[in-house]
Amino acid sequence: MNTTEQFIYLCACGAVGKQATLDTADFEKLWQMAQGHNVTALLAKALANTAAFVQASKDERFRWTNTLNNNIKKSMLFDAERKKLLAFFEANDIWYLPLKGAVINGLYPSFGTREFADNDILIDEARTDDAKQYMLQHGYTFRCDDFAADEYSKKPFYNIELHRSLVDRDPGTERYYEYYRDLKSRLCKEEGNRCGYRFTDEDFYIYFIYHAYKHYDSRGTGFRTVADEYVVLHSDRFHYDFKYIEHELRELGLLTFERQLRALANTLFADPEKTVENLRKLSDEDKKMLVYILGSGTFGNMDNLFAKELQKSESSSKMQYYLKRIFPPVSTYQYSHPFVYKHKIVYPFFWLYRTAVNPIKHRKYLKKEVRSIKKMTDKKD
């Protein structure tokens, strides 16, 4: 097995709770891949008693086991912190819905093997000021508020996003925004508390797919998403009606993506002993998806984002692309800058402000964009 095959095999072992068998490994290359996809703890668990790991240096073994132990500790502390926050919601009649990693982390066979950066919770939009007051009083720093969520952080590693809605409202997400606009009426009351809610099993899966696609279709998403897909599909906690799921995903335009991701996860994870064999038999389309995912990393990369933007702009040259970026249509501001959209007379002044400020405020981003667009358009030429 080469390093990529070993990486996928170890992820499969970790996701199904199976001890790996491995005689040799390039631990540095495995480490870099695992770090890039936020699955180091998962690989550490699978590696633990392999011949390759036992024969590794003391320092090598320490960095893997230390990452796993730290992630277990982080998971325990984060769970305790989230329980205190949910207790505040309960005491103050604020309804809430834990999202994404806050649920998925508990589905893996071994506690603490699924790495995460933050906890996401949907709450009553009318009570976000009350939630903000609690967060600030308990040592959190208010980072920002985007369209859908307020973001908070506290040392050493707590990051919490309190969502007002599930979907950012912008010209590219109208279909999804409308689908989730009246979400609360479709939620189930969580047993054992007064204010907690949960998705139905099917709606949990649909939202997981939507969220995975959102990242996949912009900057890209990493291999942890494939592991999550397998774990979410096969958890004993859920019992899915796939007839309903496929109907809803078809309406959302996500069915093709879901089917391919599901097939890829099942092919690579169902039987770790056959992972490498099945990996080498993937169809061209599945290989294309896998290569894209492996090249993206957990949070995607800017080249993927710029490639999508270039494709959307239908521009064939750098000049056409830059003109559309510098002079975007007013319609793009419908949700990001509603005042400009509503009062189009101010657009020239807003354009001047934007042109003056962005090169300073976002200079690193713009440098990456220029380099990436140059590389892609030069290839076309």
Foldseek 3Di string as FASTA:
>chain_A
DALVLVLLLLLLCLQVVHADEDQADPLVVSVVLCVLAVQLLSSLSNDVPYNHLVPDDPVSNCVSVVLQVVLLVVQVVQVVVVVVLVVVCQVVVKAKEWADPVPLQVLGPDHRRGDDQATEMEIALVCVVVSVVVCVVVAWDFDDQDQFWTWIDHPPRYIYTYGPFLDRDFPVCVLVCVVGVVPVVQWAADPPGDRYTYHALLVNVLSLLVVQVVQCQAQRAAPVSLSSLLSSVPGPVHDDDVVVNLVVCVSVVRNVVNVLSNVLSCQQNVDSVCNSVSVVVDDPVSVVSNVRRSVQGHRGDVLRNLVSLCVVQVDLAPVSSVVCVLDPDLSRCVRVPVVCNVVVVCVVVVSVVCVVPCCPVVVVSVVVSVVSRCVVSVVVD
